PDB file of N, CA and C in Angstrom:
ATOM      1  N   MET A   1    -191.123 -62.661 -32.851  1.00  0.00           N
ATOM      2  CA  MET A   1    -191.634 -62.623 -31.594  1.00  0.00           C
ATOM      3  C   MET A   1    -193.001 -62.434 -30.981  1.00  0.00           C
ATOM      4  N   ILE A   2    -193.079 -62.977 -29.911  1.00  0.00           N
ATOM      5  CA  ILE A   2    -194.687 -62.771 -29.821  1.00  0.00           C
ATOM      6  C   ILE A   2    -195.105 -62.092 -28.304  1.00  0.00           C
ATOM      7  N   ILE A   3    -195.795 -61.657 -28.142  1.00  0.00           N
ATOM      8  CA  ILE A   3    -195.572 -60.770 -26.784  1.00  0.00           C
ATOM      9  C   ILE A   3    -197.239 -60.677 -26.286  1.00  0.00           C
ATOM     10  N   LYS A   4    -197.779 -61.049 -25.062  1.00  0.00           N
ATOM     11  CA  LYS A   4    -199.164 -61.623 -24.933  1.00  0.00           C
ATOM     12  C   LYS A   4    -199.820 -59.709 -24.852  1.00  0.00           C
ATOM     13  N   ALA A   5    -201.030 -59.789 -25.267  1.00  0.00           N
ATOM     14  CA  ALA A   5    -201.827 -58.428 -25.396  1.00  0.00           C
ATOM     15  C   ALA A   5    -201.943 -58.148 -23.745  1.00  0.00           C
ATOM     16  N   ARG A   6    -202.429 -58.695 -22.788  1.00  0.00           N
ATOM     17  CA  ARG A   6    -202.352 -58.268 -21.713  1.00  0.00           C
ATOM     18  C   ARG A   6    -201.221 -57.526 -20.740  1.00  0.00           C
ATOM     19  N   LYS A   7    -200.029 -58.211 -20.911  1.00  0.00           N
ATOM     20  CA  LYS A   7    -198.984 -57.754 -20.642  1.00  0.00           C
ATOM     21  C   LYS A   7    -198.273 -56.210 -21.385  1.00  0.00           C
ATOM     22  N   ILE A   8    -198.920 -55.865 -23.017  1.00  0.00           N
ATOM     23  CA  ILE A   8    -198.822 -54.689 -22.708  1.00  0.00           C
ATOM     24  C   ILE A   8    -199.860 -53.610 -22.513  1.00  0.00           C
ATOM     25  N   ASP A   9    -200.746 -54.393 -21.862  1.00  0.00           N
ATOM     26  CA  ASP A   9    -201.926 -53.196 -21.585  1.00  0.00           C
ATOM     27  C   ASP A   9    -201.374 -52.783 -19.774  1.00  0.00           C
ATOM     28  N   SER A  10    -201.055 -53.956 -19.368  1.00  0.00           N
ATOM     29  CA  SER A  10    -200.545 -53.899 -18.147  1.00  0.00           C
ATOM     30  C   SER A  10    -199.400 -53.034 -18.001  1.00  0.00           C
ATOM     31  N   ALA A  11    -198.355 -52.908 -19.123  1.00  0.00           N
ATOM     32  CA  ALA A  11    -196.966 -51.870 -19.238  1.00  0.00           C
ATOM     33  C   ALA A  11    -197.788 -50.476 -19.260  1.00  0.00           C
ATOM     34  N   LEU A  12    -198.802 -50.646 -20.853  1.00  0.00           N
ATOM     35  CA  LEU A  12    -199.589 -49.484 -21.029  1.00  0.00           C
ATOM     36  C   LEU A  12    -200.102 -48.207 -19.836  1.00  0.00           C
ATOM     37  N   THR A  13    -200.995 -49.076 -19.467  1.00  0.00           N
ATOM     38  CA  THR A  13    -201.670 -48.576 -18.141  1.00  0.00           C
ATOM     39  C   THR A  13    -200.955 -48.152 -16.983  1.00  0.00           C
ATOM     40  N   GLY A  14    -199.760 -48.623 -16.727  1.00  0.00           N
ATOM     41  CA  GLY A  14    -198.929 -49.130 -15.417  1.00  0.00           C
ATOM     42  C   GLY A  14    -198.281 -47.545 -15.049  1.00  0.00           C
ATOM     43  N   LYS A  15    -198.147 -47.043 -16.857  1.00  0.00           N
ATOM     44  CA  LYS A  15    -197.171 -45.997 -17.411  1.00  0.00           C
ATOM     45  C   LYS A  15    -197.614 -44.588 -17.661  1.00  0.00           C
ATOM     46  N   GLY A  16    -198.795 -44.682 -17.376  1.00  0.00           N
ATOM     47  CA  GLY A  16    -199.387 -42.907 -17.742  1.00  0.00           C
ATOM     48  C   GLY A  16    -200.272 -42.966 -19.354  1.00  0.00           C
ATOM     49  N   PHE A  17    -201.153 -44.469 -19.776  1.00  0.00           N
ATOM     50  CA  PHE A  17    -201.879 -44.387 -20.603  1.00  0.00           C
ATOM     51  C   PHE A  17    -202.848 -44.665 -19.946  1.00  0.00           C
ATOM     52  N   ILE A  18    -204.173 -44.215 -20.435  1.00  0.00           N
ATOM     53  CA  ILE A  18    -205.469 -44.151 -20.200  1.00  0.00           C
ATOM     54  C   ILE A  18    -206.163 -45.055 -21.486  1.00  0.00           C
ATOM     55  N   LYS A  19    -207.073 -45.669 -20.864  1.00  0.00           N
ATOM     56  CA  LYS A  19    -207.836 -46.808 -21.898  1.00  0.00           C
ATOM     57  C   LYS A  19    -209.085 -46.086 -22.051  1.00  0.00           C
ATOM     58  N   GLU A  20    -209.386 -46.025 -23.322  1.00  0.00           N
ATOM     59  CA  GLU A  20    -210.969 -45.829 -23.974  1.00  0.00           C
ATOM     60  C   GLU A  20    -211.499 -47.439 -24.807  1.00  0.00           C
ATOM     61  N   GLU A  21    -212.760 -47.525 -24.556  1.00  0.00           N
ATOM     62  CA  GLU A  21    -213.232 -48.970 -25.320  1.00  0.00           C
ATOM     63  C   GLU A  21    -214.039 -48.326 -26.107  1.00  0.00           C
ATOM     64  N   GLY A  22    -213.366 -49.040 -27.552  1.00  0.00           N
ATOM     65  CA  GLY A  22    -214.382 -48.864 -28.831  1.00  0.00           C
ATOM     66  C   GLY A  22    -214.849 -49.957 -29.055  1.00  0.00           C
ATOM     67  N   LYS A  23    -215.699 -49.992 -30.177  1.00  0.00           N
ATOM     68  CA  LYS A  23    -216.280 -51.478 -30.361  1.00  0.00           C
ATOM     69  C   LYS A  23    -215.541 -52.467 -30.541  1.00  0.00           C
ATOM     70  N   LYS A  24    -214.484 -51.975 -31.835  1.00  0.00           N
ATOM     71  CA  LYS A  24    -213.575 -52.923 -31.951  1.00  0.00           C
ATOM     72  C   LYS A  24    -212.465 -53.151 -31.014  1.00  0.00           C
ATOM     73  N   HIS A  25    -211.893 -52.120 -30.635  1.00  0.00           N
ATOM     74  CA  HIS A  25    -210.401 -51.558 -29.963  1.00  0.00           C
ATOM     75  C   HIS A  25    -210.690 -51.157 -28.966  1.00  0.00           C
ATOM     76  N   VAL A  26    -209.129 -51.382 -27.896  1.00  0.00           N
ATOM     77  CA  VAL A  26    -209.129 -50.458 -27.293  1.00  0.00           C
ATOM     78  C   VAL A  26    -208.207 -49.336 -27.213  1.00  0.00           C
ATOM     79  N   TYR A  27    -207.999 -48.494 -26.871  1.00  0.00           N
ATOM     80  CA  TYR A  27    -207.364 -47.308 -27.532  1.00  0.00           C
ATOM     81  C   TYR A  27    -206.274 -46.996 -25.888  1.00  0.00           C
ATOM     82  N   TYR A  28    -205.116 -46.703 -26.253  1.00  0.00           N
ATOM     83  CA  TYR A  28    -204.660 -45.846 -25.266  1.00  0.00           C
ATOM     84  C   TYR A  28    -203.989 -44.872 -25.346  1.00  0.00           C
ATOM     85  N   ILE A  29    -204.389 -43.605 -24.284  1.00  0.00           N
ATOM     86  CA  ILE A  29    -203.616 -42.624 -24.796  1.00  0.00           C
ATOM     87  C   ILE A  29    -203.030 -42.258 -23.899  1.00  0.00           C
ATOM     88  N   LEU A  30    -201.493 -42.060 -24.017  1.00  0.00           N
ATOM     89  CA  LEU A  30    -200.770 -41.236 -22.797  1.00  0.00           C
ATOM     90  C   LEU A  30    -201.214 -39.819 -22.260  1.00  0.00           C
ATOM     91  N   VAL A  31    -201.706 -39.751 -20.931  1.00  0.00           N
ATOM     92  CA  VAL A  31    -201.614 -38.688 -20.066  1.00  0.00           C
ATOM     93  C   VAL A  31    -200.173 -38.074 -19.448  1.00  0.00           C
ATOM     94  N   VAL A  32    -200.488 -36.805 -19.925  1.00  0.00           N
ATOM     95  CA  VAL A  32    -198.878 -36.357 -19.159  1.00  0.00           C
ATOM     96  C   VAL A  32    -199.151 -35.072 -18.242  1.00  0.00           C
ATOM     97  N   GLY A  33    -199.039 -34.947 -17.161  1.00  0.00           N
ATOM     98  CA  GLY A  33    -199.471 -33.924 -16.428  1.00  0.00           C
ATOM     99  C   GLY A  33    -200.753 -33.067 -16.646  1.00  0.00           C
ATOM    100  N   GLY A  34    -201.694 -34.448 -16.494  1.00  0.00           N
ATOM    101  CA  GLY A  34    -203.044 -34.754 -16.264  1.00  0.00           C
ATOM    102  C   GLY A  34    -204.160 -34.213 -17.706  1.00  0.00           C
ATOM    103  N   GLU A  35    -203.123 -33.933 -18.874  1.00  0.00           N
ATOM    104  CA  GLU A  35    -203.365 -33.694 -19.970  1.00  0.00           C
ATOM    105  C   GLU A  35    -203.084 -34.800 -21.187  1.00  0.00           C
ATOM    106  N   LYS A  36    -204.453 -34.942 -22.013  1.00  0.00           N
ATOM    107  CA  LYS A  36    -204.225 -36.231 -23.318  1.00  0.00           C
ATOM    108  C   LYS A  36    -203.211 -35.815 -24.064  1.00  0.00           C
ATOM    109  N   THR A  37    -202.407 -36.692 -24.549  1.00  0.00           N
ATOM    110  CA  THR A  37    -201.135 -35.828 -25.544  1.00  0.00           C
ATOM    111  C   THR A  37    -201.531 -36.824 -26.697  1.00  0.00           C
ATOM    112  N   LEU A  38    -201.218 -36.539 -28.134  1.00  0.00           N
ATOM    113  CA  LEU A  38    -201.640 -37.156 -29.131  1.00  0.00           C
ATOM    114  C   LEU A  38    -200.730 -38.735 -29.318  1.00  0.00           C
ATOM    115  N   ILE A  39    -200.098 -39.384 -28.557  1.00  0.00           N
ATOM    116  CA  ILE A  39    -199.423 -40.488 -28.503  1.00  0.00           C
ATOM    117  C   ILE A  39    -200.626 -41.320 -28.072  1.00  0.00           C
ATOM    118  N   ARG A  40    -200.765 -42.023 -29.177  1.00  0.00           N
ATOM    119  CA  ARG A  40    -201.537 -43.475 -28.681  1.00  0.00           C
ATOM    120  C   ARG A  40    -201.724 -44.725 -29.658  1.00  0.00           C
ATOM    121  N   THR A  41    -202.336 -45.146 -29.238  1.00  0.00           N
ATOM    122  CA  THR A  41    -202.087 -46.970 -29.680  1.00  0.00           C
ATOM    123  C   THR A  41    -203.206 -47.942 -29.379  1.00  0.00           C
ATOM    124  N   LYS A  42    -203.485 -48.826 -30.291  1.00  0.00           N
ATOM    125  CA  LYS A  42    -204.406 -49.432 -30.086  1.00  0.00           C
ATOM    126  C   LYS A  42    -204.583 -51.218 -30.438  1.00  0.00           C
ATOM    127  N   LEU A  43    -205.368 -51.574 -29.488  1.00  0.00           N
ATOM    128  CA  LEU A  43    -205.381 -53.520 -29.361  1.00  0.00           C
ATOM    129  C   LEU A  43    -206.736 -53.673 -29.834  1.00  0.00           C
ATOM    130  N   SER A  44    -206.631 -54.659 -30.547  1.00  0.00           N
ATOM    131  CA  SER A  44    -207.841 -55.336 -30.803  1.00  0.00           C
ATOM    132  C   SER A  44    -208.642 -56.032 -29.865  1.00  0.00           C
ATOM    133  N   HIS A  45    -209.844 -55.774 -29.462  1.00  0.00           N
ATOM    134  CA  HIS A  45    -210.443 -56.276 -27.988  1.00  0.00           C
ATOM    135  C   HIS A  45    -210.119 -58.198 -28.089  1.00  0.00           C
ATOM    136  N   GLY A  46    -209.836 -58.726 -28.988  1.00  0.00           N
ATOM    137  CA  GLY A  46    -209.988 -60.285 -29.289  1.00  0.00           C
ATOM    138  C   GLY A  46    -208.437 -60.609 -29.123  1.00  0.00           C
ATOM    139  N   SER A  47    -207.308 -59.376 -29.106  1.00  0.00           N
ATOM    140  CA  SER A  47    -206.542 -60.138 -29.356  1.00  0.00           C
ATOM    141  C   SER A  47    -205.949 -60.479 -27.858  1.00  0.00           C
ATOM    142  N   LYS A  48    -205.085 -61.824 -28.016  1.00  0.00           N
ATOM    143  CA  LYS A  48    -204.115 -62.167 -26.973  1.00  0.00           C
ATOM    144  C   LYS A  48    -202.780 -62.203 -27.026  1.00  0.00           C
ATOM    145  N   ASP A  49    -202.244 -62.052 -28.103  1.00  0.00           N
ATOM    146  CA  ASP A  49    -201.074 -62.356 -28.752  1.00  0.00           C
ATOM    147  C   ASP A  49    -200.800 -61.238 -29.954  1.00  0.00           C
ATOM    148  N   CYS A  50    -199.663 -60.506 -29.285  1.00  0.00           N
ATOM    149  CA  CYS A  50    -199.040 -59.379 -30.457  1.00  0.00           C
ATOM    150  C   CYS A  50    -197.857 -60.075 -31.532  1.00  0.00           C
ATOM    151  N   ASN A  51    -197.758 -60.344 -32.446  1.00  0.00           N
ATOM    152  CA  ASN A  51    -196.789 -60.468 -33.311  1.00  0.00           C
ATOM    153  C   ASN A  51    -195.997 -59.386 -33.888  1.00  0.00           C
ATOM    154  N   ASP A  52    -194.885 -59.909 -34.410  1.00  0.00           N
ATOM    155  CA  ASP A  52    -193.747 -58.704 -35.045  1.00  0.00           C
ATOM    156  C   ASP A  52    -194.853 -57.731 -35.755  1.00  0.00           C
ATOM    157  N   TYR A  53    -195.744 -58.331 -36.685  1.00  0.00           N
ATOM    158  CA  TYR A  53    -196.537 -57.126 -37.529  1.00  0.00           C
ATOM    159  C   TYR A  53    -197.080 -56.073 -36.536  1.00  0.00           C
ATOM    160  N   LEU A  54    -197.844 -56.755 -35.513  1.00  0.00           N
ATOM    161  CA  LEU A  54    -198.364 -55.607 -34.536  1.00  0.00           C
ATOM    162  C   LEU A  54    -197.251 -54.833 -33.556  1.00  0.00           C
ATOM    163  N   LEU A  55    -196.697 -55.412 -33.412  1.00  0.00           N
ATOM    164  CA  LEU A  55    -195.310 -54.881 -32.098  1.00  0.00           C
ATOM    165  C   LEU A  55    -195.264 -53.735 -32.967  1.00  0.00           C
ATOM    166  N   SER A  56    -194.793 -53.308 -34.626  1.00  0.00           N
ATOM    167  CA  SER A  56    -193.925 -52.691 -35.250  1.00  0.00           C
ATOM    168  C   SER A  56    -194.943 -51.812 -35.469  1.00  0.00           C
ATOM    169  N   LYS A  57    -196.409 -51.881 -35.509  1.00  0.00           N
ATOM    170  CA  LYS A  57    -196.942 -51.168 -35.706  1.00  0.00           C
ATOM    171  C   LYS A  57    -197.009 -49.856 -34.305  1.00  0.00           C
ATOM    172  N   ILE A  58    -197.063 -50.837 -33.043  1.00  0.00           N
ATOM    173  CA  ILE A  58    -197.507 -50.433 -31.895  1.00  0.00           C
ATOM    174  C   ILE A  58    -195.984 -49.603 -31.745  1.00  0.00           C
ATOM    175  N   ARG A  59    -194.959 -49.934 -32.219  1.00  0.00           N
ATOM    176  CA  ARG A  59    -194.180 -49.282 -32.030  1.00  0.00           C
ATOM    177  C   ARG A  59    -194.150 -47.599 -32.560  1.00  0.00           C
ATOM    178  N   ASN A  60    -194.277 -47.446 -33.979  1.00  0.00           N
ATOM    179  CA  ASN A  60    -194.281 -46.505 -34.760  1.00  0.00           C
ATOM    180  C   ASN A  60    -195.458 -45.780 -33.557  1.00  0.00           C
ATOM    181  N   GLN A  61    -196.302 -46.136 -33.577  1.00  0.00           N
ATOM    182  CA  GLN A  61    -197.590 -45.164 -32.665  1.00  0.00           C
ATOM    183  C   GLN A  61    -196.917 -44.888 -31.857  1.00  0.00           C
ATOM    184  N   LEU A  62    -196.012 -45.487 -30.847  1.00  0.00           N
ATOM    185  CA  LEU A  62    -195.434 -45.146 -29.577  1.00  0.00           C
ATOM    186  C   LEU A  62    -194.280 -44.101 -30.050  1.00  0.00           C
ATOM    187  N   LYS A  63    -193.465 -43.860 -31.092  1.00  0.00           N
ATOM    188  CA  LYS A  63    -192.423 -43.450 -31.325  1.00  0.00           C
ATOM    189  C   LYS A  63    -190.871 -43.738 -31.076  1.00  0.00           C
ATOM    190  N   PHE A  64    -190.969 -45.280 -30.961  1.00  0.00           N
ATOM    191  CA  PHE A  64    -189.926 -45.632 -30.695  1.00  0.00           C
ATOM    192  C   PHE A  64    -189.011 -46.110 -31.987  1.00  0.00           C
ATOM    193  N   ASP A  65    -187.801 -45.740 -32.029  1.00  0.00           N
ATOM    194  CA  ASP A  65    -186.721 -45.572 -32.940  1.00  0.00           C
ATOM    195  C   ASP A  65    -187.075 -47.453 -33.483  1.00  0.00           C
ATOM    196  N   LYS A  66    -186.593 -48.130 -32.674  1.00  0.00           N
ATOM    197  CA  LYS A  66    -185.983 -49.412 -32.204  1.00  0.00           C
ATOM    198  C   LYS A  66    -187.372 -50.416 -31.655  1.00  0.00           C
ATOM    199  N   LYS A  67    -187.141 -51.416 -32.464  1.00  0.00           N
ATOM    200  CA  LYS A  67    -187.918 -52.294 -31.213  1.00  0.00           C
ATOM    201  C   LYS A  67    -187.302 -52.925 -29.628  1.00  0.00           C
ATOM    202  N   LYS A  68    -186.296 -52.694 -29.573  1.00  0.00           N
ATOM    203  CA  LYS A  68    -185.574 -52.828 -28.535  1.00  0.00           C
ATOM    204  C   LYS A  68    -186.363 -52.211 -27.211  1.00  0.00           C
ATOM    205  N   GLU A  69    -186.341 -50.629 -27.557  1.00  0.00           N
ATOM    206  CA  GLU A  69    -187.096 -49.654 -27.025  1.00  0.00           C
ATOM    207  C   GLU A  69    -188.127 -50.385 -26.801  1.00  0.00           C
ATOM    208  N   LEU A  70    -188.895 -50.352 -27.449  1.00  0.00           N
ATOM    209  CA  LEU A  70    -190.494 -51.025 -27.297  1.00  0.00           C
ATOM    210  C   LEU A  70    -190.701 -51.953 -26.285  1.00  0.00           C
ATOM    211  N   ILE A  71    -189.840 -52.717 -26.374  1.00  0.00           N
ATOM    212  CA  ILE A  71    -189.770 -54.264 -25.468  1.00  0.00           C
ATOM    213  C   ILE A  71    -189.158 -53.810 -24.240  1.00  0.00           C
ATOM    214  N   ASP A  72    -188.200 -52.713 -24.054  1.00  0.00           N
ATOM    215  CA  ASP A  72    -187.450 -52.275 -23.023  1.00  0.00           C
ATOM    216  C   ASP A  72    -189.414 -51.816 -21.842  1.00  0.00           C
ATOM    217  N   PHE A  73    -189.607 -51.320 -22.565  1.00  0.00           N
ATOM    218  CA  PHE A  73    -190.680 -50.406 -22.131  1.00  0.00           C
ATOM    219  C   PHE A  73    -191.585 -51.007 -21.795  1.00  0.00           C
ATOM    220  N   ILE A  74    -192.342 -52.305 -22.315  1.00  0.00           N
ATOM    221  CA  ILE A  74    -193.267 -53.256 -21.710  1.00  0.00           C
ATOM    222  C   ILE A  74    -192.616 -53.720 -21.137  1.00  0.00           C
ATOM    223  N   ASP A  75    -191.664 -54.400 -21.111  1.00  0.00           N
ATOM    224  CA  ASP A  75    -190.327 -55.018 -19.826  1.00  0.00           C
ATOM    225  C   ASP A  75    -190.293 -54.524 -18.693  1.00  0.00           C
ATOM    226  N   CYS A  76    -190.740 -52.834 -18.514  1.00  0.00           N
ATOM    227  CA  CYS A  76    -190.834 -51.951 -17.581  1.00  0.00           C
ATOM    228  C   CYS A  76    -188.962 -51.826 -17.413  1.00  0.00           C
ATOM    229  N   THR A  77    -188.353 -52.074 -17.977  1.00  0.00           N
ATOM    230  CA  THR A  77    -186.908 -51.517 -17.709  1.00  0.00           C
ATOM    231  C   THR A  77    -187.340 -50.049 -18.099  1.00  0.00           C
ATOM    232  N   LYS A  78    -187.665 -49.504 -18.968  1.00  0.00           N
ATOM    233  CA  LYS A  78    -187.741 -48.088 -19.639  1.00  0.00           C
ATOM    234  C   LYS A  78    -189.088 -47.533 -18.139  1.00  0.00           C
ATOM    235  N   THR A  79    -188.504 -46.679 -17.947  1.00  0.00           N
ATOM    236  CA  THR A  79    -189.877 -45.670 -16.852  1.00  0.00           C
ATOM    237  C   THR A  79    -190.389 -44.420 -17.760  1.00  0.00           C
ATOM    238  N   LEU A  80    -191.429 -44.123 -17.265  1.00  0.00           N
ATOM    239  CA  LEU A  80    -192.583 -43.280 -17.829  1.00  0.00           C
ATOM    240  C   LEU A  80    -191.600 -42.016 -17.598  1.00  0.00           C
ATOM    241  N   GLU A  81    -191.340 -41.813 -16.696  1.00  0.00           N
ATOM    242  CA  GLU A  81    -189.810 -40.436 -17.214  1.00  0.00           C
ATOM    243  C   GLU A  81    -189.093 -40.426 -18.425  1.00  0.00           C
ATOM    244  N   GLU A  82    -188.279 -41.641 -18.243  1.00  0.00           N
ATOM    245  CA  GLU A  82    -186.903 -41.863 -19.634  1.00  0.00           C
ATOM    246  C   GLU A  82    -188.556 -41.606 -20.974  1.00  0.00           C
ATOM    247  N   TYR A  83    -189.213 -42.575 -20.787  1.00  0.00           N
ATOM    248  CA  TYR A  83    -190.251 -42.154 -22.289  1.00  0.00           C
ATOM    249  C   TYR A  83    -190.693 -40.732 -22.421  1.00  0.00           C
ATOM    250  N   VAL A  84    -191.263 -40.029 -21.441  1.00  0.00           N
ATOM    251  CA  VAL A  84    -191.543 -38.769 -21.591  1.00  0.00           C
ATOM    252  C   VAL A  84    -190.173 -37.740 -22.024  1.00  0.00           C
ATOM    253  N   SER A  85    -189.303 -37.960 -21.462  1.00  0.00           N
ATOM    254  CA  SER A  85    -188.284 -37.061 -21.711  1.00  0.00           C
ATOM    255  C   SER A  85    -187.566 -37.484 -23.417  1.00  0.00           C
ATOM    256  N   MET A  86    -188.082 -39.042 -23.966  1.00  0.00           N
ATOM    257  CA  MET A  86    -187.549 -39.074 -25.414  1.00  0.00           C
ATOM    258  C   MET A  86    -188.385 -38.449 -25.674  1.00  0.00           C
ATOM    259  N   LEU A  87    -189.642 -38.466 -25.136  1.00  0.00           N
ATOM    260  CA  LEU A  87    -191.027 -37.837 -26.497  1.00  0.00           C
ATOM    261  C   LEU A  87    -190.719 -36.410 -26.574  1.00  0.00           C
ATOM    262  N   LYS A  88    -189.988 -35.710 -25.244  1.00  0.00           N
ATOM    263  CA  LYS A  88    -189.565 -34.048 -25.650  1.00  0.00           C
ATOM    264  C   LYS A  88    -188.427 -33.856 -26.696  1.00  0.00           C
ATOM    265  N   ASP A  89    -187.755 -35.418 -26.052  1.00  0.00           N
ATOM    266  CA  ASP A  89    -186.416 -34.538 -27.105  1.00  0.00           C
ATOM    267  C   ASP A  89    -186.927 -34.845 -28.629  1.00  0.00           C
ATOM    268  N   LYS A  90    -187.439 -35.493 -28.782  1.00  0.00           N
ATOM    269  CA  LYS A  90    -188.283 -35.701 -30.177  1.00  0.00           C
ATOM    270  C   LYS A  90    -188.951 -34.795 -30.826  1.00  0.00           C
ATOM    271  N   SER A  91    -189.201 -33.748 -29.673  1.00  0.00           N
ATOM    272  CA  SER A  91    -190.270 -32.860 -29.771  1.00  0.00           C
ATOM    273  C   SER A  91    -192.065 -33.573 -30.444  1.00  0.00           C
ATOM    274  N   GLU A  92    -191.915 -34.611 -29.504  1.00  0.00           N
ATOM    275  CA  GLU A  92    -193.649 -35.484 -30.182  1.00  0.00           C
ATOM    276  C   GLU A  92    -194.465 -34.722 -28.826  1.00  0.00           C
ATOM    277  N   ILE A  93    -194.021 -34.087 -27.835  1.00  0.00           N
ATOM    278  CA  ILE A  93    -194.814 -33.797 -26.962  1.00  0.00           C
ATOM    279  C   ILE A  93    -194.085 -32.445 -26.513  1.00  0.00           C
ATOM    280  N   TYR A  94    -195.066 -31.894 -25.276  1.00  0.00           N
ATOM    281  CA  TYR A  94    -193.964 -30.315 -25.085  1.00  0.00           C
ATOM    282  C   TYR A  94    -194.450 -30.147 -23.472  1.00  0.00           C
TER     283      TYR A  94
END
Protein backbone atom coordinates (compact mmCIF):
# COMPACT_ATOMS: atom_id res chain seq x y z
CA MET A 1 0.00 0.00 0.00
CA ILE A 2 1.21 3.49 -0.86
CA ILE A 3 -0.15 6.66 0.75
CA LYS A 4 0.81 10.17 -0.31
CA ALA A 5 2.95 11.98 2.26
CA ARG A 6 0.83 15.12 1.89
CA LYS A 7 -2.27 13.11 2.88
CA ILE A 8 -0.50 11.95 6.05
CA ASP A 9 0.64 15.52 6.71
CA SER A 10 -2.90 16.81 6.32
CA ALA A 11 -4.36 14.13 8.59
CA LEU A 12 -1.81 14.71 11.35
CA THR A 13 -1.95 18.50 11.32
CA GLY A 14 -5.74 18.34 11.20
CA LYS A 15 -5.86 16.16 14.31
CA GLY A 16 -3.82 17.98 16.90
CA PHE A 17 -0.26 17.42 15.71
CA ILE A 18 2.10 20.34 15.27
CA LYS A 19 4.89 20.37 12.71
CA GLU A 20 8.48 21.13 13.56
CA GLU A 21 10.90 21.47 10.67
CA GLY A 22 14.26 19.76 10.98
CA LYS A 23 17.15 19.68 8.53
CA LYS A 24 16.19 16.35 6.98
CA HIS A 25 12.76 15.60 8.42
CA VAL A 26 9.46 17.15 9.37
CA TYR A 27 8.53 16.12 12.91
CA TYR A 28 4.91 15.79 14.02
CA ILE A 29 4.16 16.07 17.75
CA LEU A 30 0.75 15.46 19.27
CA VAL A 31 -0.54 18.33 21.41
CA VAL A 32 -3.34 17.63 23.88
CA GLY A 33 -4.75 20.34 26.13
CA GLY A 34 -2.06 22.76 24.97
CA GLU A 35 0.74 20.41 26.07
CA LYS A 36 3.15 18.50 23.85
CA THR A 37 3.02 14.74 24.37
CA LEU A 38 5.61 12.06 23.70
CA ILE A 39 3.55 10.85 20.73
CA ARG A 40 5.49 11.83 17.63
CA THR A 41 6.51 10.71 14.18
CA LYS A 42 8.43 12.09 11.23
CA LEU A 43 8.50 12.25 7.46
CA SER A 44 11.51 13.03 5.29
CA HIS A 45 11.40 16.39 3.55
CA GLY A 46 11.63 14.75 0.13
CA SER A 47 8.97 12.10 0.78
CA LYS A 48 6.14 12.03 -1.71
CA ASP A 49 4.84 8.53 -1.00
CA CYS A 50 4.91 6.30 2.07
CA ASN A 51 5.20 2.56 1.46
CA ASP A 52 4.29 -0.30 3.80
CA TYR A 53 7.64 -0.10 5.57
CA LEU A 54 7.24 3.61 6.40
CA LEU A 55 3.57 3.13 7.32
CA SER A 56 4.64 0.41 9.74
CA LYS A 57 7.12 2.79 11.37
CA ILE A 58 4.48 5.52 11.65
CA ARG A 59 1.94 3.02 13.02
CA ASN A 60 4.33 2.01 15.79
CA GLN A 61 5.30 5.58 16.63
CA LEU A 62 1.66 6.66 16.84
CA LYS A 63 0.84 3.60 19.01
CA PHE A 64 -1.69 1.94 16.72
CA ASP A 65 -1.97 -1.85 17.07
CA LYS A 66 -3.08 -2.50 13.51
CA LYS A 67 -2.37 -0.98 10.12
CA LYS A 68 -6.11 -0.52 9.55
CA GLU A 69 -6.30 1.76 12.60
CA LEU A 70 -3.62 4.01 11.12
CA ILE A 71 -5.35 4.00 7.73
CA ASP A 72 -8.67 4.92 9.39
CA PHE A 73 -6.89 7.76 11.22
CA ILE A 74 -5.35 9.04 7.98
CA ASP A 75 -8.68 8.68 6.13
CA CYS A 76 -10.37 10.69 8.91
CA THR A 77 -12.78 7.95 9.97
CA LYS A 78 -11.16 8.02 13.43
CA THR A 79 -11.46 11.32 15.27
CA LEU A 80 -8.89 13.06 17.43
CA GLU A 81 -11.07 12.38 20.47
CA GLU A 82 -11.14 8.64 19.69
CA TYR A 83 -7.38 8.65 19.17
CA VAL A 84 -6.69 10.47 22.46
CA SER A 85 -9.07 8.09 24.26
CA MET A 86 -7.18 5.10 22.81
CA LEU A 87 -3.85 6.58 23.94
CA LYS A 88 -5.20 7.16 27.45
CA ASP A 89 -6.56 3.60 27.60
CA LYS A 90 -3.06 2.36 26.73
CA SER A 91 -1.51 4.72 29.32
CA GLU A 92 0.54 6.39 26.59
CA ILE A 93 -0.75 9.82 27.67
CA TYR A 94 -2.57 11.04 30.77
